[in-house]
N, C-alpha and C. Protein backbone atom coordinates (compact mmCIF):
# COMPACT_ATOMS: atom_id res chain seq x y z
N UNK A 1 0.75 -1.13 0.64
CA UNK A 1 0.28 0.36 0.19
C UNK A 1 0.75 1.42 0.03
N UNK A 2 2.03 0.87 0.75
CA UNK A 2 2.88 2.39 1.03
C UNK A 2 3.77 2.77 -0.50
N UNK A 3 4.11 1.61 -1.32
CA UNK A 3 4.52 1.47 -2.52
C UNK A 3 3.32 2.30 -3.71
N UNK A 4 2.45 2.06 -3.29
CA UNK A 4 1.35 2.24 -3.97
C UNK A 4 0.67 4.04 -4.41
N UNK A 5 0.98 4.38 -2.49
CA UNK A 5 0.55 5.95 -2.42
C UNK A 5 2.02 6.30 -2.85
N UNK A 6 3.04 5.91 -2.78
CA UNK A 6 4.53 6.54 -3.25
C UNK A 6 4.51 6.57 -4.45
N UNK A 7 3.91 5.28 -5.41
CA UNK A 7 4.25 5.83 -7.29
C UNK A 7 2.99 6.79 -7.61
N UNK A 8 1.60 7.09 -6.65
CA UNK A 8 0.71 7.31 -7.28
C UNK A 8 1.08 9.34 -7.10
N UNK A 9 2.05 9.46 -6.01
CA UNK A 9 2.24 10.80 -6.03
C UNK A 9 3.48 10.76 -6.55
N UNK A 10 4.40 10.17 -7.01
CA UNK A 10 5.48 10.26 -8.51
C UNK A 10 4.32 10.49 -9.36
N UNK A 11 3.59 9.83 -9.64
CA UNK A 11 2.63 9.91 -11.01
C UNK A 11 2.27 11.60 -10.88
N UNK A 12 1.46 11.87 -10.36
CA UNK A 12 1.07 13.30 -10.01
C UNK A 12 1.90 14.27 -10.07
N UNK A 13 3.40 14.24 -9.48
CA UNK A 13 4.30 15.02 -10.05
C UNK A 13 4.45 15.30 -11.29
N UNK A 14 4.89 13.82 -12.00
CA UNK A 14 5.19 13.55 -13.52
C UNK A 14 4.27 14.40 -14.31
N UNK A 15 3.05 14.51 -14.22
CA UNK A 15 1.98 14.76 -14.83
C UNK A 15 1.63 16.68 -14.57
N UNK A 16 2.12 17.07 -13.32
CA UNK A 16 1.95 18.46 -13.28
C UNK A 16 3.50 19.02 -14.11
N UNK A 17 4.49 18.46 -13.77
CA UNK A 17 5.81 19.09 -14.54
C UNK A 17 6.37 18.52 -15.68
N UNK A 18 5.52 17.64 -15.85
CA UNK A 18 6.45 16.68 -17.36
C UNK A 18 5.14 16.84 -18.73
N UNK A 19 3.86 17.41 -18.23
CA UNK A 19 2.68 17.86 -19.14
C UNK A 19 2.45 18.52 -19.00
N UNK A 20 1.45 18.87 -17.61
CA UNK A 20 0.93 20.20 -17.11
C UNK A 20 1.67 21.83 -17.58
N UNK A 21 2.80 21.64 -17.03
CA UNK A 21 4.03 23.01 -17.27
C UNK A 21 4.18 23.01 -18.47
N UNK A 22 4.72 22.11 -19.40
CA UNK A 22 4.92 22.56 -20.54
C UNK A 22 3.77 23.15 -21.80
N UNK A 23 2.75 22.39 -21.05
CA UNK A 23 1.33 22.72 -21.96
C UNK A 23 0.78 24.21 -21.37
N UNK A 24 1.08 24.34 -20.13
CA UNK A 24 0.93 26.04 -19.79
C UNK A 24 1.75 27.04 -19.86
N UNK A 25 2.69 26.83 -20.63
CA UNK A 25 3.78 27.63 -20.88
C UNK A 25 3.26 27.84 -22.62
N UNK A 26 2.93 26.86 -23.17
CA UNK A 26 2.29 26.76 -24.50
C UNK A 26 1.05 27.89 -24.65
N UNK A 27 0.31 27.21 -23.72
CA UNK A 27 -0.81 28.42 -23.63
C UNK A 27 -0.50 29.56 -22.86
N UNK A 28 0.36 30.24 -22.93
CA UNK A 28 0.46 31.04 -22.10
C UNK A 28 0.79 32.59 -22.88
N UNK A 29 2.09 31.48 -23.76
CA UNK A 29 2.49 32.25 -25.13
C UNK A 29 1.73 32.75 -26.33
N UNK A 30 0.84 31.86 -26.40
CA UNK A 30 -0.51 32.17 -27.68
C UNK A 30 -1.46 33.44 -27.01
N UNK A 31 -2.00 34.65 -28.04
CA UNK A 31 -2.81 35.25 -27.60
C UNK A 31 -3.76 34.92 -27.43
N UNK A 32 -4.17 33.69 -28.06
CA UNK A 32 -6.06 32.90 -27.85
C UNK A 32 -6.20 33.27 -26.30
N UNK A 33 -7.74 33.43 -25.58
CA UNK A 33 -8.18 33.15 -24.78
C UNK A 33 -8.77 31.95 -24.66
N UNK A 34 -9.08 30.88 -25.43
CA UNK A 34 -10.13 29.74 -25.60
C UNK A 34 -8.83 28.77 -24.83
N UNK A 35 -7.77 28.69 -25.38
CA UNK A 35 -7.13 27.93 -25.08
C UNK A 35 -6.36 27.98 -23.65
N UNK A 36 -6.49 29.70 -22.68
CA UNK A 36 -6.32 28.94 -21.16
C UNK A 36 -7.29 28.01 -20.50
N UNK A 37 -8.83 28.71 -21.14
CA UNK A 37 -9.67 28.63 -20.13
C UNK A 37 -9.66 26.97 -20.48
N UNK A 38 -9.07 26.05 -21.61
CA UNK A 38 -9.77 24.76 -21.95
C UNK A 38 -8.29 24.23 -20.98
N UNK A 39 -7.53 24.77 -21.21
CA UNK A 39 -6.55 23.80 -20.02
C UNK A 39 -6.16 24.67 -18.57
N UNK A 40 -7.06 25.62 -17.98
CA UNK A 40 -7.59 25.31 -16.70
C UNK A 40 -8.57 24.01 -16.10
N UNK A 41 -9.34 23.93 -17.37
CA UNK A 41 -10.04 22.76 -17.66
C UNK A 41 -9.77 21.34 -17.10
N UNK A 42 -8.85 20.91 -18.78
CA UNK A 42 -7.80 19.98 -18.48
C UNK A 42 -7.27 19.52 -17.71
N UNK A 43 -6.41 20.47 -16.94
CA UNK A 43 -5.54 20.34 -16.13
C UNK A 43 -5.97 19.55 -14.60
N UNK A 44 -7.62 20.03 -14.28
CA UNK A 44 -7.72 19.26 -12.98
C UNK A 44 -8.34 17.91 -13.78
N UNK A 45 -8.69 17.38 -14.87
CA UNK A 45 -9.11 16.30 -15.26
C UNK A 45 -8.20 15.35 -14.97
N UNK A 46 -6.70 15.51 -15.67
CA UNK A 46 -5.88 15.47 -15.94
C UNK A 46 -5.18 14.41 -14.49
N UNK A 47 -5.37 15.34 -13.31
CA UNK A 47 -5.02 14.92 -11.84
C UNK A 47 -5.84 13.83 -11.65
N UNK A 48 -6.90 14.11 -11.97
CA UNK A 48 -8.24 13.36 -11.68
C UNK A 48 -7.58 11.52 -12.33
N UNK A 49 -7.71 11.77 -13.61
CA UNK A 49 -7.29 10.52 -14.19
C UNK A 49 -6.09 9.99 -13.52
N UNK A 50 -4.93 10.87 -13.31
CA UNK A 50 -3.77 10.02 -13.50
C UNK A 50 -4.40 9.24 -11.64
N UNK A 51 -4.94 10.05 -10.67
CA UNK A 51 -5.10 9.25 -9.45
C UNK A 51 -5.80 8.17 -9.35
N UNK A 52 -7.35 8.39 -10.35
CA UNK A 52 -8.05 7.12 -10.45
C UNK A 52 -7.20 6.17 -11.38
N UNK A 53 -6.87 6.22 -12.02
CA UNK A 53 -5.50 5.08 -12.70
C UNK A 53 -4.86 4.41 -12.13
N UNK A 54 -3.95 5.59 -11.43
CA UNK A 54 -3.26 4.96 -9.97
C UNK A 54 -3.79 4.06 -8.99
N UNK A 55 -5.20 4.60 -8.86
CA UNK A 55 -6.25 3.40 -7.77
C UNK A 55 -6.33 2.59 -8.53
N UNK A 56 -6.69 2.72 -9.67
CA UNK A 56 -6.93 0.99 -9.82
C UNK A 56 -5.98 0.71 -10.50
N UNK A 57 -4.80 0.46 -10.49
CA UNK A 57 -3.78 -0.48 -10.63
C UNK A 57 -3.78 -0.72 -9.85
N UNK A 58 -3.69 0.02 -8.27
CA UNK A 58 -3.11 -0.28 -7.08
C UNK A 58 -3.86 -1.47 -6.69
N UNK A 59 -5.58 -1.08 -7.41
CA UNK A 59 -6.53 -2.23 -6.66
C UNK A 59 -5.94 -4.09 -7.33
N UNK A 60 -5.94 -3.86 -8.25
CA UNK A 60 -5.86 -4.94 -9.39
C UNK A 60 -4.25 -5.29 -8.53
N UNK A 61 -3.36 -4.87 -8.28
CA UNK A 61 -2.00 -5.10 -8.07
C UNK A 61 -1.72 -5.85 -6.63
N UNK A 62 -2.86 -5.18 -5.65
CA UNK A 62 -3.05 -5.72 -4.50
C UNK A 62 -3.55 -6.76 -4.01
N UNK A 63 -5.02 -6.53 -4.60
CA UNK A 63 -5.88 -7.77 -4.63
C UNK A 63 -5.84 -8.64 -5.63
N UNK A 64 -5.11 -8.70 -7.00
CA UNK A 64 -5.06 -9.41 -7.55
C UNK A 64 -5.95 -9.47 -8.78
N UNK A 65 -5.78 -9.07 -10.36
CA UNK A 65 -6.69 -9.28 -10.96
C UNK A 65 -7.94 -9.98 -11.22
N UNK A 66 -8.01 -11.29 -10.78
CA UNK A 66 -8.97 -12.15 -10.71
C UNK A 66 -9.76 -12.29 -9.69
N UNK A 67 -9.30 -11.11 -8.33
CA UNK A 67 -9.97 -11.29 -7.03
C UNK A 67 -11.62 -10.86 -6.95
N UNK A 68 -12.17 -11.77 -6.47
CA UNK A 68 -13.68 -10.61 -6.42
C UNK A 68 -13.35 -9.60 -6.52
N UNK A 69 -13.25 -8.71 -5.09
CA UNK A 69 -13.18 -7.46 -5.18
C UNK A 69 -12.83 -6.47 -6.34
N UNK A 70 -11.49 -6.96 -6.89
CA UNK A 70 -11.02 -6.49 -8.31
C UNK A 70 -12.80 -6.32 -9.70
N UNK A 71 -13.06 -7.52 -9.30
CA UNK A 71 -14.01 -8.10 -10.47
C UNK A 71 -15.40 -6.83 -9.95
N UNK A 72 -15.53 -6.91 -8.56
CA UNK A 72 -16.87 -6.03 -8.58
C UNK A 72 -16.14 -4.62 -8.87
N UNK A 73 -15.40 -3.94 -8.88
CA UNK A 73 -14.57 -2.66 -8.81
C UNK A 73 -14.49 -2.31 -10.13
N UNK A 74 -14.54 -3.08 -10.65
CA UNK A 74 -13.70 -2.94 -12.53
C UNK A 74 -14.83 -2.35 -13.00
N UNK A 75 -16.14 -2.53 -12.89
CA UNK A 75 -17.26 -1.55 -13.36
C UNK A 75 -17.36 -0.26 -13.27
N UNK A 76 -16.98 -0.07 -12.04
CA UNK A 76 -17.17 1.17 -11.32
C UNK A 76 -15.91 2.15 -11.63
N UNK A 77 -14.91 1.45 -11.70
CA UNK A 77 -13.73 2.24 -12.35
C UNK A 77 -13.62 2.95 -14.09
N UNK A 78 -14.60 1.82 -14.95
CA UNK A 78 -15.33 1.62 -16.19
C UNK A 78 -15.81 3.40 -16.57
N UNK A 79 -16.74 3.53 -15.63
CA UNK A 79 -18.01 4.52 -15.63
C UNK A 79 -17.04 5.71 -15.13
N UNK A 80 -15.89 6.06 -14.27
CA UNK A 80 -15.66 6.51 -13.57
C UNK A 80 -14.71 7.09 -15.48
N UNK A 81 -13.61 6.67 -15.74
CA UNK A 81 -13.04 6.55 -17.22
C UNK A 81 -14.13 7.17 -17.95
N UNK A 82 -15.28 6.66 -17.74
CA UNK A 82 -16.34 7.11 -19.19
C UNK A 82 -16.85 8.52 -18.79
N UNK A 83 -16.99 8.60 -17.44
CA UNK A 83 -17.47 10.31 -17.32
C UNK A 83 -16.20 11.35 -17.29
N UNK A 84 -15.39 10.83 -17.20
CA UNK A 84 -14.38 11.09 -17.00
C UNK A 84 -13.86 12.03 -18.87
N UNK A 85 -14.05 10.72 -19.89
CA UNK A 85 -13.77 11.38 -21.26
C UNK A 85 -14.77 12.34 -21.70
N UNK A 86 -16.09 11.63 -21.04
CA UNK A 86 -17.22 12.63 -21.50
C UNK A 86 -16.97 14.23 -21.19
N UNK A 87 -16.58 13.80 -19.76
CA UNK A 87 -16.59 15.57 -19.32
C UNK A 87 -15.27 16.62 -20.05
N UNK A 88 -14.54 15.71 -20.53
CA UNK A 88 -13.01 16.04 -21.26
C UNK A 88 -13.74 16.24 -22.71
N UNK A 89 -14.46 15.76 -23.72
CA UNK A 89 -15.76 15.67 -25.14
C UNK A 89 -16.49 17.17 -24.92
N UNK A 90 -17.03 17.23 -23.35
CA UNK A 90 -18.00 18.33 -23.41
C UNK A 90 -16.97 19.70 -23.22
N UNK A 91 -16.42 20.09 -22.42
CA UNK A 91 -15.59 20.80 -22.23
C UNK A 91 -15.10 21.52 -23.78
N UNK A 92 -14.17 20.65 -24.39
CA UNK A 92 -13.78 20.73 -25.91
C UNK A 92 -14.71 21.64 -26.52
N UNK A 93 -15.67 20.69 -26.26
CA UNK A 93 -17.14 21.63 -27.72
C UNK A 93 -17.37 22.42 -27.13
N UNK A 94 -17.77 22.89 -26.05
CA UNK A 94 -17.84 24.20 -25.55
C UNK A 94 -16.79 25.06 -25.95
N UNK A 95 -15.54 25.01 -25.22
CA UNK A 95 -14.55 26.13 -25.87
C UNK A 95 -14.40 25.96 -27.76
N UNK A 96 -14.41 24.96 -28.29
CA UNK A 96 -13.78 25.03 -29.99
C UNK A 96 -14.84 25.19 -30.43
N UNK A 97 -15.81 24.77 -30.72
CA UNK A 97 -17.03 25.18 -31.45
C UNK A 97 -17.54 26.35 -31.80
N UNK A 98 -17.83 27.43 -30.50
CA UNK A 98 -17.84 28.65 -31.17
C UNK A 98 -16.62 29.38 -32.00
N UNK A 99 -15.45 28.99 -31.78
CA UNK A 99 -14.43 29.33 -32.17
C UNK A 99 -14.30 29.62 -33.61
N UNK A 100 -14.72 27.82 -34.00
CA UNK A 100 -14.32 27.74 -35.27
C UNK A 100 -15.94 28.07 -35.69
N UNK A 101 -17.25 28.29 -35.54
CA UNK A 101 -17.93 28.29 -36.20
C UNK A 101 -18.16 30.30 -36.51
N UNK A 102 -17.15 30.95 -35.65
CA UNK A 102 -16.97 32.43 -35.98
C UNK A 102 -15.82 32.06 -36.72
N UNK A 103 -14.72 31.58 -37.16
CA UNK A 103 -13.84 31.80 -38.01
C UNK A 103 -14.37 31.00 -39.47
N UNK A 104 -14.99 30.29 -39.42
CA UNK A 104 -16.36 29.95 -41.05
C UNK A 104 -17.21 31.23 -41.04
N UNK A 105 -17.61 31.74 -40.13
CA UNK A 105 -19.10 32.80 -40.65
C UNK A 105 -18.35 33.83 -41.34
N UNK A 106 -19.24 34.70 -42.16
CA UNK A 106 -18.89 35.42 -42.90
C UNK A 106 -19.82 36.96 -42.46
N UNK A 107 -18.83 38.15 -42.27
CA UNK A 107 -19.40 38.86 -41.22
C UNK A 107 -20.52 39.46 -42.18
N UNK A 108 -21.04 39.41 -43.95
CA UNK A 108 -21.29 40.44 -44.29
C UNK A 108 -22.86 39.60 -44.34
N UNK A 109 -22.97 38.56 -44.12
CA UNK A 109 -24.36 37.51 -43.82
C UNK A 109 -24.93 37.47 -43.01
N UNK A 110 -25.87 36.86 -42.93
CA UNK A 110 -27.25 37.72 -41.43
C UNK A 110 -26.83 36.36 -40.91
N UNK A 111 -26.22 36.76 -39.82
CA UNK A 111 -26.11 35.28 -38.97
C UNK A 111 -27.16 35.54 -37.73
N UNK A 112 -27.58 34.50 -36.81
CA UNK A 112 -28.26 34.06 -36.27
C UNK A 112 -27.57 34.37 -34.70
N UNK A 113 -28.01 35.37 -33.98
CA UNK A 113 -27.39 36.09 -32.72
C UNK A 113 -27.92 34.33 -31.86
N UNK A 114 -26.80 34.05 -31.05
CA UNK A 114 -27.38 32.60 -30.19
C UNK A 114 -27.41 31.40 -30.94
N UNK A 115 -26.81 31.49 -31.90
CA UNK A 115 -27.24 29.90 -32.77
C UNK A 115 -25.91 29.15 -32.20
N UNK A 116 -24.52 30.16 -31.86
CA UNK A 116 -23.39 29.18 -31.96
C UNK A 116 -23.54 28.21 -30.50
N UNK A 117 -24.33 29.32 -29.29
CA UNK A 117 -24.43 28.39 -28.15
C UNK A 117 -25.56 27.72 -28.48
N UNK A 118 -26.42 27.64 -29.23
CA UNK A 118 -27.46 26.79 -29.59
C UNK A 118 -26.90 25.34 -30.20
N UNK A 119 -25.73 25.28 -31.46
CA UNK A 119 -25.07 24.47 -31.37
C UNK A 119 -24.25 23.32 -30.52
N UNK A 120 -23.94 24.86 -29.60
CA UNK A 120 -22.67 23.86 -28.66
C UNK A 120 -23.77 23.44 -27.77
N UNK A 121 -24.86 23.49 -26.59
CA UNK A 121 -25.47 22.91 -26.17
C UNK A 121 -25.80 21.65 -26.71
N UNK A 122 -26.71 21.76 -28.31
CA UNK A 122 -26.98 20.46 -28.52
C UNK A 122 -25.98 19.42 -28.91
N UNK A 123 -24.79 20.17 -29.24
CA UNK A 123 -23.39 18.86 -29.30
C UNK A 123 -23.36 18.06 -27.55
N UNK A 124 -23.02 19.05 -27.06
CA UNK A 124 -22.98 18.37 -25.33
C UNK A 124 -23.88 17.95 -24.92
N UNK A 125 -25.12 18.02 -25.40
CA UNK A 125 -26.20 17.06 -24.87
C UNK A 125 -26.41 15.80 -25.84
N UNK A 126 -25.17 15.52 -26.90
CA UNK A 126 -24.95 14.52 -27.26
C UNK A 126 -24.35 13.80 -26.66
N UNK A 127 -23.32 14.28 -26.33
CA UNK A 127 -21.76 13.75 -25.87
C UNK A 127 -22.42 13.22 -24.46
N UNK A 128 -22.96 13.91 -23.60
CA UNK A 128 -23.69 13.56 -22.47
C UNK A 128 -24.73 12.22 -22.48
N UNK A 129 -25.24 12.14 -23.05
CA UNK A 129 -26.02 11.26 -23.73
C UNK A 129 -25.49 10.29 -23.71
N UNK A 130 -24.43 10.22 -24.67
CA UNK A 130 -23.81 9.09 -24.76
C UNK A 130 -22.60 8.31 -24.12
N UNK A 131 -22.27 9.48 -23.22
CA UNK A 131 -21.55 9.02 -22.35
C UNK A 131 -22.45 8.30 -21.03
N UNK A 132 -23.99 8.78 -20.63
CA UNK A 132 -24.34 8.12 -19.65
C UNK A 132 -24.78 7.10 -19.93
N UNK A 133 -25.26 6.81 -21.57
CA UNK A 133 -25.56 5.88 -21.55
C UNK A 133 -24.59 4.74 -21.57
N UNK A 134 -23.34 4.56 -21.72
CA UNK A 134 -22.73 3.88 -21.81
C UNK A 134 -22.20 3.90 -20.39
N UNK A 135 -22.15 4.63 -19.49
CA UNK A 135 -21.80 4.16 -18.02
C UNK A 135 -22.47 3.73 -17.67
N UNK A 136 -24.08 3.12 -17.62
CA UNK A 136 -25.01 3.00 -17.44
C UNK A 136 -25.12 1.34 -17.87
N UNK A 137 -24.87 1.34 -19.16
CA UNK A 137 -24.21 -0.02 -19.80
C UNK A 137 -23.62 -1.06 -18.67
N UNK A 138 -22.25 -0.32 -18.19
CA UNK A 138 -21.42 -0.71 -17.56
C UNK A 138 -22.06 -1.10 -16.02
N UNK A 139 -23.21 -1.01 -15.48
CA UNK A 139 -23.24 -1.07 -14.54
C UNK A 139 -24.52 -1.93 -14.70
N UNK A 140 -25.00 -2.25 -15.73
CA UNK A 140 -26.06 -3.12 -16.21
C UNK A 140 -27.36 -2.72 -16.02
N UNK A 141 -27.55 -1.26 -16.04
CA UNK A 141 -29.02 -0.87 -15.88
C UNK A 141 -29.62 -0.47 -16.96
N UNK A 142 -30.93 -1.63 -17.12
CA UNK A 142 -31.71 -1.41 -18.55
C UNK A 142 -32.22 0.39 -18.39
N UNK A 143 -32.32 0.80 -19.74
CA UNK A 143 -32.53 2.02 -20.23
C UNK A 143 -33.41 2.36 -21.25
N UNK A 144 -34.26 1.11 -21.75
CA UNK A 144 -35.77 1.08 -22.14
C UNK A 144 -36.45 1.90 -21.38
N UNK A 145 -37.07 1.88 -20.31
CA UNK A 145 -38.01 2.51 -19.75
C UNK A 145 -37.56 4.02 -19.58
N UNK A 146 -36.30 4.45 -19.35
CA UNK A 146 -35.77 5.69 -19.20
C UNK A 146 -35.98 6.77 -20.95
N UNK A 147 -35.79 5.68 -21.61
CA UNK A 147 -36.10 6.16 -23.33
C UNK A 147 -37.31 6.12 -23.41
N UNK A 148 -38.01 5.86 -22.99
CA UNK A 148 -39.69 5.67 -23.26
C UNK A 148 -40.07 7.10 -22.64
N UNK A 149 -39.72 6.77 -21.34
CA UNK A 149 -40.19 8.49 -20.36
C UNK A 149 -39.29 9.40 -21.37
N UNK A 150 -37.84 9.72 -21.98
CA UNK A 150 -38.07 11.12 -22.32
C UNK A 150 -38.24 11.21 -23.58
N UNK A 151 -38.58 10.37 -24.49
CA UNK A 151 -39.91 10.50 -25.29
C UNK A 151 -41.24 10.91 -25.03
N UNK A 152 -41.77 10.52 -24.21
CA UNK A 152 -43.17 11.17 -24.06
C UNK A 152 -42.90 12.45 -23.66
N UNK A 153 -42.06 12.67 -22.71
CA UNK A 153 -41.54 13.78 -22.07
C UNK A 153 -41.20 14.75 -23.16
N UNK A 154 -40.38 14.74 -24.27
CA UNK A 154 -40.31 15.60 -25.93
C UNK A 154 -41.21 15.54 -26.17
N UNK A 155 -42.25 14.51 -26.24
CA UNK A 155 -43.84 14.84 -27.23
C UNK A 155 -44.16 16.27 -26.66
N UNK A 156 -44.22 15.87 -25.45
CA UNK A 156 -45.08 16.87 -24.60
C UNK A 156 -44.81 18.19 -24.54
N UNK A 157 -43.32 18.22 -24.73
CA UNK A 157 -42.65 19.70 -25.09
C UNK A 157 -42.46 20.52 -25.96
N UNK A 158 -42.32 19.63 -26.81
CA UNK A 158 -42.79 20.12 -28.23
C UNK A 158 -44.16 20.53 -28.50
N UNK A 159 -45.18 19.90 -27.95
CA UNK A 159 -46.55 20.07 -28.01
C UNK A 159 -46.73 21.75 -27.32
N UNK A 160 -46.09 21.86 -26.33
CA UNK A 160 -46.06 22.89 -25.89
C UNK A 160 -45.19 24.28 -26.35
N UNK A 161 -44.27 23.83 -27.26
CA UNK A 161 -43.07 24.98 -27.62
C UNK A 161 -43.36 25.08 -28.80
N UNK A 162 -44.54 24.73 -29.87
CA UNK A 162 -45.01 24.26 -31.32
C UNK A 162 -44.87 25.82 -31.34
N UNK A 163 -44.87 27.38 -30.68
CA UNK A 163 -44.53 28.22 -31.74
C UNK A 163 -43.12 28.89 -31.66
N UNK A 164 -42.73 28.72 -30.09
CA UNK A 164 -41.11 28.57 -30.13
C UNK A 164 -40.19 28.43 -30.91
N UNK A 165 -40.49 26.62 -31.22
CA UNK A 165 -39.76 25.95 -32.25
C UNK A 165 -39.70 26.56 -33.07
N UNK A 166 -41.26 26.58 -34.07
CA UNK A 166 -41.26 26.89 -35.18
C UNK A 166 -40.70 28.85 -35.73
N UNK A 167 -40.17 29.68 -34.29
CA UNK A 167 -39.81 30.65 -34.80
C UNK A 167 -38.04 30.39 -34.84
N UNK A 168 -37.57 29.49 -34.15
CA UNK A 168 -36.14 29.13 -34.25
C UNK A 168 -36.14 28.50 -35.55
N UNK A 169 -36.95 27.89 -35.59
CA UNK A 169 -36.66 27.14 -37.26
C UNK A 169 -36.75 28.03 -38.32
N UNK A 170 -37.66 29.40 -38.29
CA UNK A 170 -37.54 30.33 -39.36
C UNK A 170 -36.13 30.87 -39.25
N UNK A 171 -35.40 31.20 -37.63
CA UNK A 171 -34.60 32.07 -37.41
C UNK A 171 -33.61 31.08 -38.45
N UNK A 172 -33.04 30.45 -38.23
CA UNK A 172 -32.28 29.32 -39.16
C UNK A 172 -32.83 29.28 -40.14
N UNK A 173 -33.79 29.46 -40.99
CA UNK A 173 -34.03 29.61 -42.60
C UNK A 173 -33.78 31.07 -42.88
N UNK A 174 -33.57 31.71 -42.26
CA UNK A 174 -33.26 32.80 -42.83
C UNK A 174 -32.02 32.94 -42.60
N UNK A 175 -31.01 32.45 -41.75
CA UNK A 175 -29.75 32.38 -41.96
C UNK A 175 -29.38 31.72 -42.94
N UNK A 176 -29.88 30.74 -43.44
CA UNK A 176 -29.30 30.03 -44.88
C UNK A 176 -29.57 30.65 -45.94
N UNK A 177 -30.73 30.85 -45.90
CA UNK A 177 -31.07 31.93 -47.39
C UNK A 177 -31.01 32.79 -47.57
N UNK A 178 -30.72 33.61 -46.34
CA UNK A 178 -30.09 35.21 -46.27
C UNK A 178 -30.75 36.04 -47.02
N UNK A 179 -31.92 36.19 -46.72
CA UNK A 179 -33.01 37.44 -47.49
C UNK A 179 -32.42 38.71 -47.48
N UNK A 180 -31.78 39.13 -46.54
CA UNK A 180 -31.38 40.48 -45.99
C UNK A 180 -30.07 40.36 -45.14
N UNK A 181 -29.97 41.48 -45.50
CA UNK A 181 -28.42 41.60 -43.95
C UNK A 181 -28.89 42.33 -42.84
N UNK A 182 -28.13 41.92 -41.65
CA UNK A 182 -28.26 43.78 -40.85
C UNK A 182 -28.19 44.79 -41.45
N UNK A 183 -29.11 46.08 -41.04
CA UNK A 183 -29.14 47.14 -41.59
C UNK A 183 -29.56 47.64 -43.08
N UNK A 184 -30.11 46.31 -43.57
CA UNK A 184 -30.85 46.87 -44.55
C UNK A 184 -32.63 47.48 -43.68
N UNK A 185 -33.29 48.08 -45.40
CA UNK A 185 -34.23 48.31 -44.84
C UNK A 185 -35.54 47.49 -45.83
N UNK A 186 -36.31 47.18 -44.74
CA UNK A 186 -37.31 46.08 -45.21
C UNK A 186 -38.39 46.28 -44.50
N UNK A 187 -39.71 45.81 -44.86
CA UNK A 187 -41.18 46.55 -44.72
C UNK A 187 -41.99 45.25 -44.00
N UNK A 188 -42.86 45.26 -43.43
CA UNK A 188 -43.50 44.23 -42.80
C UNK A 188 -44.90 44.22 -42.43
N UNK A 189 -45.70 43.95 -43.12
CA UNK A 189 -47.67 44.37 -42.79
C UNK A 189 -47.32 46.26 -43.08
N UNK A 190 -46.69 46.31 -43.83
CA UNK A 190 -46.80 47.76 -43.91
C UNK A 190 -45.98 48.83 -43.00
N UNK A 191 -45.08 47.76 -42.17
CA UNK A 191 -43.93 48.78 -41.28
C UNK A 191 -42.82 48.62 -41.97
N UNK A 192 -42.17 50.17 -41.98
CA UNK A 192 -40.61 50.46 -42.58
C UNK A 192 -39.94 50.09 -41.32
N UNK A 193 -38.82 49.07 -41.59
CA UNK A 193 -37.93 49.49 -40.29
C UNK A 193 -36.48 49.31 -41.29
N UNK A 194 -35.50 49.19 -40.10
CA UNK A 194 -34.19 48.72 -40.53
C UNK A 194 -33.73 47.20 -39.57
N UNK A 195 -33.30 46.70 -40.10
CA UNK A 195 -32.82 45.27 -39.31
C UNK A 195 -31.99 45.15 -38.36
N UNK A 196 -32.03 45.37 -37.33
CA UNK A 196 -30.90 45.77 -36.27
C UNK A 196 -30.18 44.14 -35.91
N UNK A 197 -31.20 43.39 -35.58
CA UNK A 197 -30.51 42.05 -35.66
C UNK A 197 -31.42 40.41 -35.82
N UNK A 198 -30.88 39.35 -35.87
CA UNK A 198 -31.51 38.22 -36.29
C UNK A 198 -31.64 37.02 -34.68
N UNK A 199 -32.47 36.85 -34.34
CA UNK A 199 -32.06 36.23 -32.78
C UNK A 199 -32.80 34.98 -32.96
N UNK A 200 -32.87 34.11 -32.48
CA UNK A 200 -32.95 32.24 -33.04
C UNK A 200 -34.41 32.25 -32.33
N UNK A 201 -34.82 33.76 -31.70
CA UNK A 201 -36.52 33.22 -31.22
C UNK A 201 -36.76 34.37 -32.29
N UNK A 202 -36.90 35.79 -32.88
CA UNK A 202 -37.18 36.83 -33.56
C UNK A 202 -36.36 37.58 -33.79
N UNK A 203 -36.88 38.37 -35.03
CA UNK A 203 -35.88 39.47 -35.97
C UNK A 203 -36.46 40.40 -35.45
N UNK A 204 -35.32 41.36 -35.13
CA UNK A 204 -35.41 42.96 -34.72
C UNK A 204 -35.33 44.32 -35.55
N UNK A 205 -36.53 44.73 -35.93
CA UNK A 205 -35.97 45.83 -36.61
C UNK A 205 -36.33 47.22 -36.66
């Protein structure tokens, strides 16, 4: 046990000075802000991964790979690895997608303000759903009832928010068709005005 504790501390020191410290110097040398935020999130997850990995290997070494204790703990460690990977993927999407979307969007076109957060939220929801699904599979938990409940809840939510969802879809259609730019003069129902912004719920002019 003492040897395992010592090796865990050594692994944490290596992770800090061999991986985290050079990475910190690199992100600080760039002007971008997103990589600093990404590093701050990854740093804690790196230490957690090293700690969990060391604890996992210690249990396997002390109790034996085929022991009952080890076999009981294997699904729990698998769940921890899956959740950790899910958080890393979610954080990566949170910081990377807005940067990519902003770089590839043209300034002259009609953009949907709030579109990037909407896309980011959707991608993160998909990642978390997949992560939780895999984690529950490791624990041998049946998901049929949970998915059926989610389907019913989604149906009720969709019926209650028909108008809002329709407005969001119309906003995305405006962003794709680009019938006008922000600043153009348009007339709607006899009212003449200049387009101020195109949001995910409404267009202001």
